[in-house]
């Protein structure tokens, strides 16, 4: 059961990534098709609009099998999780840091190595926070400088903005990932020390029984579906689409 759940979660991740790639590809193709030279008349006026409701529906229909496959994989993953029960989910979804926190409450005294590992974890997260702060400051200084957007050449402005912001964002993301990997490795070592440490007399206190959350989740999902249906019925979907098109074509300047 556990192996099937891991395979299903991997399949869900791959399916979600594939759907994202397909959606991005369709959006880029819509933009390139709408701005192709053959879509312009002699005076420079577009023959067909870049975005249209019919074109969006047609393109979503072309990738509908991938969308349905993603929904099917997600449903199968949820069914496997429900079949595994609370015992099967707890050990698989808890992070090493959470397991360390639970096991620390059961030992009579923390081993010396645990304190050293915890200190290393804290320093890793502090270093990542410092890198993120410096990266945000550097990128923000460029974005808040009016001189960075004084040119009317959209391509050069966007290219310079990406050149001055993307490396800082990548550096911040990399520092967070590195800190997470360091913390996970330290937590695994700490788990080994805690398992061999003497436990409290009488064992740990029985954990409080958790109330099932599925009724709340089902209620929230039903409320979300009802609100989406009401928004579609009162024309809100069309208003959002028009505003999104106006932002893309007028504010950002893709049109």
C-alpha atoms as a PDB file:
ATOM      1  CA  UNK A   1       0.000   0.000   0.000  1.00  0.00           C
ATOM      2  CA  UNK A   2       2.769   2.430   0.930  1.00  0.00           C
ATOM      3  CA  UNK A   3       4.628   1.798  -2.317  1.00  0.00           C
ATOM      4  CA  UNK A   4       1.456   2.341  -4.345  1.00  0.00           C
ATOM      5  CA  UNK A   5       0.832   5.639  -2.535  1.00  0.00           C
ATOM      6  CA  UNK A   6       4.343   6.871  -3.322  1.00  0.00           C
ATOM      7  CA  UNK A   7       3.964   5.927  -6.975  1.00  0.00           C
ATOM      8  CA  UNK A   8       0.587   7.659  -7.134  1.00  0.00           C
ATOM      9  CA  UNK A   9       1.941  10.846  -5.559  1.00  0.00           C
ATOM     10  CA  UNK A  10       4.807  10.869  -8.038  1.00  0.00           C
ATOM     11  CA  UNK A  11       2.331  10.379 -10.891  1.00  0.00           C
ATOM     12  CA  UNK A  12       0.197  13.259  -9.570  1.00  0.00           C
ATOM     13  CA  UNK A  13       3.238  15.541  -9.422  1.00  0.00           C
ATOM     14  CA  UNK A  14       4.286  14.626 -12.968  1.00  0.00           C
ATOM     15  CA  UNK A  15       0.728  15.080 -14.257  1.00  0.00           C
ATOM     16  CA  UNK A  16       0.451  18.507 -12.613  1.00  0.00           C
ATOM     17  CA  UNK A  17       3.780  19.563 -14.136  1.00  0.00           C
ATOM     18  CA  UNK A  18       2.653  18.347 -17.576  1.00  0.00           C
ATOM     19  CA  UNK A  19      -0.620  20.287 -17.331  1.00  0.00           C
ATOM     20  CA  UNK A  20       1.283  23.438 -16.328  1.00  0.00           C
ATOM     21  CA  UNK A  21       3.587  23.054 -19.340  1.00  0.00           C
ATOM     22  CA  UNK A  22       0.605  22.565 -21.661  1.00  0.00           C
ATOM     23  CA  UNK A  23      -1.167  25.635 -20.281  1.00  0.00           C
ATOM     24  CA  UNK A  24       1.962  27.776 -20.661  1.00  0.00           C
ATOM     25  CA  UNK A  25       2.466  26.483 -24.180  1.00  0.00           C
ATOM     26  CA  UNK A  26      -1.112  27.347 -25.151  1.00  0.00           C
ATOM     27  CA  UNK A  27      -0.804  30.850 -23.663  1.00  0.00           C
ATOM     28  CA  UNK A  28       2.451  31.506 -25.521  1.00  0.00           C
ATOM     29  CA  UNK A  29       0.966  30.153 -28.750  1.00  0.00           C
ATOM     30  CA  UNK A  30      -2.068  32.438 -28.383  1.00  0.00           C
ATOM     31  CA  UNK A  31       0.223  35.444 -28.006  1.00  0.00           C
ATOM     32  CA  UNK A  32       2.470  34.475 -30.931  1.00  0.00           C
ATOM     33  CA  UNK A  33      -0.488  33.714 -33.207  1.00  0.00           C
ATOM     34  CA  UNK A  34      -2.246  36.975 -32.356  1.00  0.00           C
ATOM     35  CA  UNK A  35       0.898  39.011 -33.001  1.00  0.00           C
ATOM     36  CA  UNK A  36       2.021  37.157 -36.130  1.00  0.00           C
ATOM     37  CA  UNK A  37       2.547  39.362 -39.237  1.00  0.00           C
ATOM     38  CA  UNK A  38      -0.221  37.567 -41.143  1.00  0.00           C
ATOM     39  CA  UNK A  39      -2.728  38.683 -38.490  1.00  0.00           C
ATOM     40  CA  UNK A  40      -2.166  42.358 -39.364  1.00  0.00           C
ATOM     41  CA  UNK A  41      -3.691  44.244 -42.244  1.00  0.00           C
ATOM     42  CA  UNK A  42      -1.802  46.784 -44.318  1.00  0.00           C
ATOM     43  CA  UNK A  43      -2.473  49.749 -41.960  1.00  0.00           C
ATOM     44  CA  UNK A  44      -1.191  47.685 -39.031  1.00  0.00           C
ATOM     45  CA  UNK A  45      -4.575  46.741 -37.587  1.00  0.00           C
ATOM     46  CA  UNK A  46      -5.166  43.250 -36.260  1.00  0.00           C
ATOM     47  CA  UNK A  47      -7.478  41.106 -38.328  1.00  0.00           C
ATOM     48  CA  UNK A  48      -8.398  38.857 -35.392  1.00  0.00           C
ATOM     49  CA  UNK A  49      -8.067  39.784 -31.702  1.00  0.00           C
ATOM     50  CA  UNK A  50      -5.251  38.216 -29.757  1.00  0.00           C
ATOM     51  CA  UNK A  51      -7.581  36.793 -27.116  1.00  0.00           C
ATOM     52  CA  UNK A  52     -11.103  35.571 -27.618  1.00  0.00           C
ATOM     53  CA  UNK A  53     -13.499  33.450 -25.643  1.00  0.00           C
ATOM     54  CA  UNK A  54     -13.917  30.943 -28.470  1.00  0.00           C
ATOM     55  CA  UNK A  55     -10.165  30.562 -28.975  1.00  0.00           C
ATOM     56  CA  UNK A  56      -9.576  30.014 -25.255  1.00  0.00           C
ATOM     57  CA  UNK A  57     -12.331  27.381 -25.154  1.00  0.00           C
ATOM     58  CA  UNK A  58     -10.913  25.648 -28.222  1.00  0.00           C
ATOM     59  CA  UNK A  59      -7.418  25.504 -26.797  1.00  0.00           C
ATOM     60  CA  UNK A  60      -8.615  24.276 -23.410  1.00  0.00           C
ATOM     61  CA  UNK A  61     -10.558  21.570 -25.259  1.00  0.00           C
ATOM     62  CA  UNK A  62      -7.374  20.472 -27.010  1.00  0.00           C
ATOM     63  CA  UNK A  63      -5.673  19.748 -23.673  1.00  0.00           C
ATOM     64  CA  UNK A  64      -8.820  18.457 -21.949  1.00  0.00           C
ATOM     65  CA  UNK A  65      -7.548  14.829 -21.872  1.00  0.00           C
ATOM     66  CA  UNK A  66      -4.532  15.934 -19.835  1.00  0.00           C
ATOM     67  CA  UNK A  67      -6.767  17.876 -17.436  1.00  0.00           C
ATOM     68  CA  UNK A  68      -9.092  14.904 -16.955  1.00  0.00           C
ATOM     69  CA  UNK A  69      -6.103  12.609 -16.452  1.00  0.00           C
ATOM     70  CA  UNK A  70      -4.775  14.934 -13.741  1.00  0.00           C
ATOM     71  CA  UNK A  71      -8.124  14.920 -11.966  1.00  0.00           C
ATOM     72  CA  UNK A  72      -8.265  11.119 -12.173  1.00  0.00           C
ATOM     73  CA  UNK A  73      -4.772  10.759 -10.697  1.00  0.00           C
ATOM     74  CA  UNK A  74      -5.606  13.169  -7.867  1.00  0.00           C
ATOM     75  CA  UNK A  75      -8.813  11.262  -7.126  1.00  0.00           C
ATOM     76  CA  UNK A  76      -6.928   7.945  -7.065  1.00  0.00           C
ATOM     77  CA  UNK A  77      -4.334   9.468  -4.740  1.00  0.00           C
ATOM     78  CA  UNK A  78      -7.045  10.668  -2.346  1.00  0.00           C
ATOM     79  CA  UNK A  79      -8.697   7.238  -2.400  1.00  0.00           C
ATOM     80  CA  UNK A  80      -5.396   5.533  -1.547  1.00  0.00           C
ATOM     81  CA  UNK A  81      -4.813   7.988   1.310  1.00  0.00           C
ATOM     82  CA  UNK A  82      -8.285   7.300   2.665  1.00  0.00           C
ATOM     83  CA  UNK A  83      -7.753   3.553   2.378  1.00  0.00           C
ATOM     84  CA  UNK A  84      -4.407   3.765   4.194  1.00  0.00           C
ATOM     85  CA  UNK A  85      -6.071   5.347   7.213  1.00  0.00           C
ATOM     86  CA  UNK A  86      -4.583   7.653   9.828  1.00  0.00           C
ATOM     87  CA  UNK A  87      -1.794   5.205  10.695  1.00  0.00           C
ATOM     88  CA  UNK A  88      -0.611   5.019   7.118  1.00  0.00           C
ATOM     89  CA  UNK A  89      -0.662   8.776   6.651  1.00  0.00           C
ATOM     90  CA  UNK A  90       1.065   9.894   9.820  1.00  0.00           C
ATOM     91  CA  UNK A  91       4.491   8.416   9.260  1.00  0.00           C
ATOM     92  CA  UNK A  92       4.599   9.245   5.573  1.00  0.00           C
ATOM     93  CA  UNK A  93       3.609  12.902   5.748  1.00  0.00           C
ATOM     94  CA  UNK A  94       5.398  14.025   8.902  1.00  0.00           C
ATOM     95  CA  UNK A  95       8.595  15.947   8.235  1.00  0.00           C
ATOM     96  CA  UNK A  96      11.745  14.846  10.111  1.00  0.00           C
ATOM     97  CA  UNK A  97      11.533  18.036  12.177  1.00  0.00           C
ATOM     98  CA  UNK A  98       8.000  17.084  13.288  1.00  0.00           C
ATOM     99  CA  UNK A  99       9.135  13.591  14.264  1.00  0.00           C
ATOM    100  CA  UNK A 100      11.999  15.120  16.252  1.00  0.00           C
ATOM    101  CA  UNK A 101       9.528  17.326  18.097  1.00  0.00           C
ATOM    102  CA  UNK A 102       7.316  14.361  18.976  1.00  0.00           C
ATOM    103  CA  UNK A 103      10.178  12.124  20.048  1.00  0.00           C
ATOM    104  CA  UNK A 104      11.824  14.869  22.117  1.00  0.00           C
ATOM    105  CA  UNK A 105       8.794  14.922  24.413  1.00  0.00           C
ATOM    106  CA  UNK A 106       9.302  11.242  25.229  1.00  0.00           C
ATOM    107  CA  UNK A 107      12.960  11.241  26.278  1.00  0.00           C
ATOM    108  CA  UNK A 108      14.055  12.050  29.812  1.00  0.00           C
ATOM    109  CA  UNK A 109      17.085  14.108  28.728  1.00  0.00           C
ATOM    110  CA  UNK A 110      18.234  15.371  25.361  1.00  0.00           C
ATOM    111  CA  UNK A 111      21.571  13.956  24.197  1.00  0.00           C
ATOM    112  CA  UNK A 112      24.394  16.465  23.787  1.00  0.00           C
ATOM    113  CA  UNK A 113      24.561  15.855  20.065  1.00  0.00           C
ATOM    114  CA  UNK A 114      20.936  16.940  19.666  1.00  0.00           C
ATOM    115  CA  UNK A 115      21.686  20.422  20.960  1.00  0.00           C
ATOM    116  CA  UNK A 116      24.552  20.768  18.508  1.00  0.00           C
ATOM    117  CA  UNK A 117      22.386  19.640  15.605  1.00  0.00           C
ATOM    118  CA  UNK A 118      19.576  21.993  16.593  1.00  0.00           C
ATOM    119  CA  UNK A 119      22.012  24.882  16.743  1.00  0.00           C
ATOM    120  CA  UNK A 120      23.221  23.995  13.235  1.00  0.00           C
ATOM    121  CA  UNK A 121      19.624  23.966  11.982  1.00  0.00           C
ATOM    122  CA  UNK A 122      18.952  27.394  13.475  1.00  0.00           C
ATOM    123  CA  UNK A 123      22.076  28.871  11.922  1.00  0.00           C
ATOM    124  CA  UNK A 124      21.126  27.438   8.529  1.00  0.00           C
ATOM    125  CA  UNK A 125      17.722  29.096   8.637  1.00  0.00           C
ATOM    126  CA  UNK A 126      19.209  32.376   9.910  1.00  0.00           C
ATOM    127  CA  UNK A 127      21.701  32.390   7.043  1.00  0.00           C
ATOM    128  CA  UNK A 128      18.903  31.693   4.553  1.00  0.00           C
ATOM    129  CA  UNK A 129      16.835  34.529   6.039  1.00  0.00           C
ATOM    130  CA  UNK A 130      19.803  36.892   5.716  1.00  0.00           C
ATOM    131  CA  UNK A 131      20.352  35.905   2.075  1.00  0.00           C
ATOM    132  CA  UNK A 132      16.628  36.403   1.353  1.00  0.00           C
ATOM    133  CA  UNK A 133      16.690  39.837   2.992  1.00  0.00           C
ATOM    134  CA  UNK A 134      19.733  40.930   0.962  1.00  0.00           C
ATOM    135  CA  UNK A 135      18.211  39.562  -2.254  1.00  0.00           C
ATOM    136  CA  UNK A 136      14.898  41.298  -1.599  1.00  0.00           C
ATOM    137  CA  UNK A 137      16.701  44.558  -0.889  1.00  0.00           C
ATOM    138  CA  UNK A 138      18.786  44.382  -4.068  1.00  0.00           C
ATOM    139  CA  UNK A 139      15.839  43.468  -6.297  1.00  0.00           C
ATOM    140  CA  UNK A 140      13.564  45.986  -4.586  1.00  0.00           C
ATOM    141  CA  UNK A 141      16.094  48.783  -5.051  1.00  0.00           C
ATOM    142  CA  UNK A 142      16.023  48.202  -8.797  1.00  0.00           C
ATOM    143  CA  UNK A 143      12.247  47.837  -9.015  1.00  0.00           C
ATOM    144  CA  UNK A 144      11.614  50.994  -6.975  1.00  0.00           C
ATOM    145  CA  UNK A 145      14.025  53.100  -9.029  1.00  0.00           C
ATOM    146  CA  UNK A 146      12.009  55.131 -11.608  1.00  0.00           C
ATOM    147  CA  UNK A 147      15.062  55.348 -13.851  1.00  0.00           C
ATOM    148  CA  UNK A 148      14.864  51.598 -14.421  1.00  0.00           C
ATOM    149  CA  UNK A 149      11.589  52.040 -16.329  1.00  0.00           C
ATOM    150  CA  UNK A 150      12.174  55.346 -18.108  1.00  0.00           C
ATOM    151  CA  UNK A 151      12.627  53.812 -21.559  1.00  0.00           C
ATOM    152  CA  UNK A 152       9.638  53.278 -23.847  1.00  0.00           C
ATOM    153  CA  UNK A 153      11.176  50.121 -25.338  1.00  0.00           C
ATOM    154  CA  UNK A 154       9.200  47.391 -23.575  1.00  0.00           C
ATOM    155  CA  UNK A 155      11.508  44.546 -24.587  1.00  0.00           C
ATOM    156  CA  UNK A 156      14.650  46.250 -23.274  1.00  0.00           C
ATOM    157  CA  UNK A 157      12.945  47.302 -20.054  1.00  0.00           C
ATOM    158  CA  UNK A 158      11.613  43.787 -19.385  1.00  0.00           C
ATOM    159  CA  UNK A 159      14.957  42.226 -20.275  1.00  0.00           C
ATOM    160  CA  UNK A 160      16.845  44.521 -17.915  1.00  0.00           C
ATOM    161  CA  UNK A 161      14.300  43.902 -15.159  1.00  0.00           C
ATOM    162  CA  UNK A 162      14.684  40.139 -15.500  1.00  0.00           C
ATOM    163  CA  UNK A 163      18.470  40.467 -15.570  1.00  0.00           C
ATOM    164  CA  UNK A 164      18.472  42.460 -12.321  1.00  0.00           C
ATOM    165  CA  UNK A 165      15.813  40.490 -10.406  1.00  0.00           C
ATOM    166  CA  UNK A 166      15.840  36.831 -11.486  1.00  0.00           C
ATOM    167  CA  UNK A 167      19.392  36.104 -10.216  1.00  0.00           C
ATOM    168  CA  UNK A 168      18.505  37.515  -6.800  1.00  0.00           C
ATOM    169  CA  UNK A 169      15.292  35.485  -6.698  1.00  0.00           C
ATOM    170  CA  UNK A 170      17.223  32.352  -7.687  1.00  0.00           C
ATOM    171  CA  UNK A 171      19.797  33.057  -4.972  1.00  0.00           C
ATOM    172  CA  UNK A 172      17.078  33.448  -2.322  1.00  0.00           C
ATOM    173  CA  UNK A 173      15.317  30.276  -3.443  1.00  0.00           C
ATOM    174  CA  UNK A 174      18.568  28.351  -3.482  1.00  0.00           C
ATOM    175  CA  UNK A 175      19.419  29.485   0.050  1.00  0.00           C
ATOM    176  CA  UNK A 176      16.023  28.363   1.327  1.00  0.00           C
ATOM    177  CA  UNK A 177      16.385  24.977  -0.365  1.00  0.00           C
ATOM    178  CA  UNK A 178      19.897  24.562   1.021  1.00  0.00           C
ATOM    179  CA  UNK A 179      18.723  25.451   4.540  1.00  0.00           C
ATOM    180  CA  UNK A 180      15.855  22.974   4.216  1.00  0.00           C
ATOM    181  CA  UNK A 181      18.235  20.201   3.127  1.00  0.00           C
ATOM    182  CA  UNK A 182      20.630  20.969   5.985  1.00  0.00           C
ATOM    183  CA  UNK A 183      17.759  21.024   8.474  1.00  0.00           C
ATOM    184  CA  UNK A 184      16.381  17.727   7.171  1.00  0.00           C
ATOM    185  CA  UNK A 185      19.781  16.033   7.391  1.00  0.00           C
ATOM    186  CA  UNK A 186      20.328  17.294  10.939  1.00  0.00           C
ATOM    187  CA  UNK A 187      16.834  16.195  11.936  1.00  0.00           C
ATOM    188  CA  UNK A 188      17.482  12.656  10.668  1.00  0.00           C
ATOM    189  CA  UNK A 189      20.691  12.454  12.683  1.00  0.00           C
ATOM    190  CA  UNK A 190      18.854  13.820  15.694  1.00  0.00           C
ATOM    191  CA  UNK A 191      16.188  11.152  15.314  1.00  0.00           C
ATOM    192  CA  UNK A 192      18.833   8.447  15.566  1.00  0.00           C
ATOM    193  CA  UNK A 193      20.154   9.983  18.781  1.00  0.00           C
ATOM    194  CA  UNK A 194      16.676  10.367  20.261  1.00  0.00           C
ATOM    195  CA  UNK A 195      15.730   6.759  19.527  1.00  0.00           C
ATOM    196  CA  UNK A 196      18.714   5.553  21.544  1.00  0.00           C
ATOM    197  CA  UNK A 197      18.155   8.032  24.411  1.00  0.00           C
ATOM    198  CA  UNK A 198      16.442   6.841  27.628  1.00  0.00           C
ATOM    199  CA  UNK A 199      12.700   7.437  27.657  1.00  0.00           C
ATOM    200  CA  UNK A 200      10.647   9.019  30.418  1.00  0.00           C
ATOM    201  CA  UNK A 201       9.284   6.664  33.099  1.00  0.00           C
ATOM    202  CA  UNK A 202       5.837   5.419  32.228  1.00  0.00           C
ATOM    203  CA  UNK A 203       6.154   6.402  28.583  1.00  0.00           C
ATOM    204  CA  UNK A 204       4.728   9.412  26.927  1.00  0.00           C
ATOM    205  CA  UNK A 205       1.328  10.727  27.826  1.00  0.00           C
ATOM    206  CA  UNK A 206      -1.394   9.482  25.531  1.00  0.00           C
ATOM    207  CA  UNK A 207      -1.994  11.874  22.706  1.00  0.00           C
ATOM    208  CA  UNK A 208      -5.306  13.610  22.556  1.00  0.00           C
ATOM    209  CA  UNK A 209      -7.689  12.109  20.067  1.00  0.00           C
ATOM    210  CA  UNK A 210      -7.863  14.230  16.970  1.00  0.00           C
ATOM    211  CA  UNK A 211     -11.183  15.082  15.502  1.00  0.00           C
ATOM    212  CA  UNK A 212     -11.646  14.085  11.883  1.00  0.00           C
ATOM    213  CA  UNK A 213     -11.230  16.993   9.511  1.00  0.00           C
ATOM    214  CA  UNK A 214     -12.975  15.509   6.497  1.00  0.00           C
ATOM    215  CA  UNK A 215     -16.391  17.065   7.335  1.00  0.00           C
ATOM    216  CA  UNK A 216     -14.794  20.515   7.464  1.00  0.00           C
ATOM    217  CA  UNK A 217     -12.895  19.904   4.252  1.00  0.00           C
ATOM    218  CA  UNK A 218     -15.994  18.648   2.462  1.00  0.00           C
ATOM    219  CA  UNK A 219     -17.946  21.679   3.678  1.00  0.00           C
ATOM    220  CA  UNK A 220     -15.259  24.087   2.447  1.00  0.00           C
ATOM    221  CA  UNK A 221     -15.090  22.327  -0.930  1.00  0.00           C
ATOM    222  CA  UNK A 222     -18.886  22.441  -1.269  1.00  0.00           C
ATOM    223  CA  UNK A 223     -18.916  26.145  -0.374  1.00  0.00           C
ATOM    224  CA  UNK A 224     -16.167  26.831  -2.924  1.00  0.00           C
ATOM    225  CA  UNK A 225     -18.039  24.968  -5.667  1.00  0.00           C
ATOM    226  CA  UNK A 226     -21.270  26.809  -4.799  1.00  0.00           C
ATOM    227  CA  UNK A 227     -19.544  30.209  -4.908  1.00  0.00           C
ATOM    228  CA  UNK A 228     -17.897  29.368  -8.234  1.00  0.00           C
ATOM    229  CA  UNK A 229     -21.260  28.344  -9.665  1.00  0.00           C
ATOM    230  CA  UNK A 230     -22.883  31.561  -8.415  1.00  0.00           C
ATOM    231  CA  UNK A 231     -20.067  33.622  -9.912  1.00  0.00           C
ATOM    232  CA  UNK A 232     -20.515  31.949 -13.295  1.00  0.00           C
ATOM    233  CA  UNK A 233     -24.290  32.409 -13.184  1.00  0.00           C
ATOM    234  CA  UNK A 234     -24.164  36.131 -12.388  1.00  0.00           C
ATOM    235  CA  UNK A 235     -21.580  36.904 -15.075  1.00  0.00           C
ATOM    236  CA  UNK A 236     -18.592  37.234 -12.776  1.00  0.00           C
ATOM    237  CA  UNK A 237     -16.537  34.794 -14.857  1.00  0.00           C
ATOM    238  CA  UNK A 238     -16.833  37.003 -17.931  1.00  0.00           C
ATOM    239  CA  UNK A 239     -15.948  40.129 -15.908  1.00  0.00           C
ATOM    240  CA  UNK A 240     -12.802  38.488 -14.567  1.00  0.00           C
ATOM    241  CA  UNK A 241     -11.800  37.350 -18.069  1.00  0.00           C
ATOM    242  CA  UNK A 242     -12.293  40.862 -19.497  1.00  0.00           C
ATOM    243  CA  UNK A 243     -10.273  42.435 -16.690  1.00  0.00           C
ATOM    244  CA  UNK A 244      -7.474  39.900 -17.157  1.00  0.00           C
ATOM    245  CA  UNK A 245      -7.391  40.606 -20.900  1.00  0.00           C
ATOM    246  CA  UNK A 246      -7.305  44.357 -20.284  1.00  0.00           C
ATOM    247  CA  UNK A 247      -4.450  44.009 -17.804  1.00  0.00           C
ATOM    248  CA  UNK A 248      -2.416  41.869 -20.198  1.00  0.00           C
ATOM    249  CA  UNK A 249      -3.049  43.985 -23.286  1.00  0.00           C
ATOM    250  CA  UNK A 250      -3.076  47.485 -21.786  1.00  0.00           C
ATOM    251  CA  UNK A 251      -1.190  47.579 -18.479  1.00  0.00           C
ATOM    252  CA  UNK A 252       1.579  45.027 -18.984  1.00  0.00           C
ATOM    253  CA  UNK A 253       1.723  45.731 -22.706  1.00  0.00           C
ATOM    254  CA  UNK A 254       1.626  42.218 -24.168  1.00  0.00           C
ATOM    255  CA  UNK A 255      -0.769  43.432 -26.816  1.00  0.00           C
END
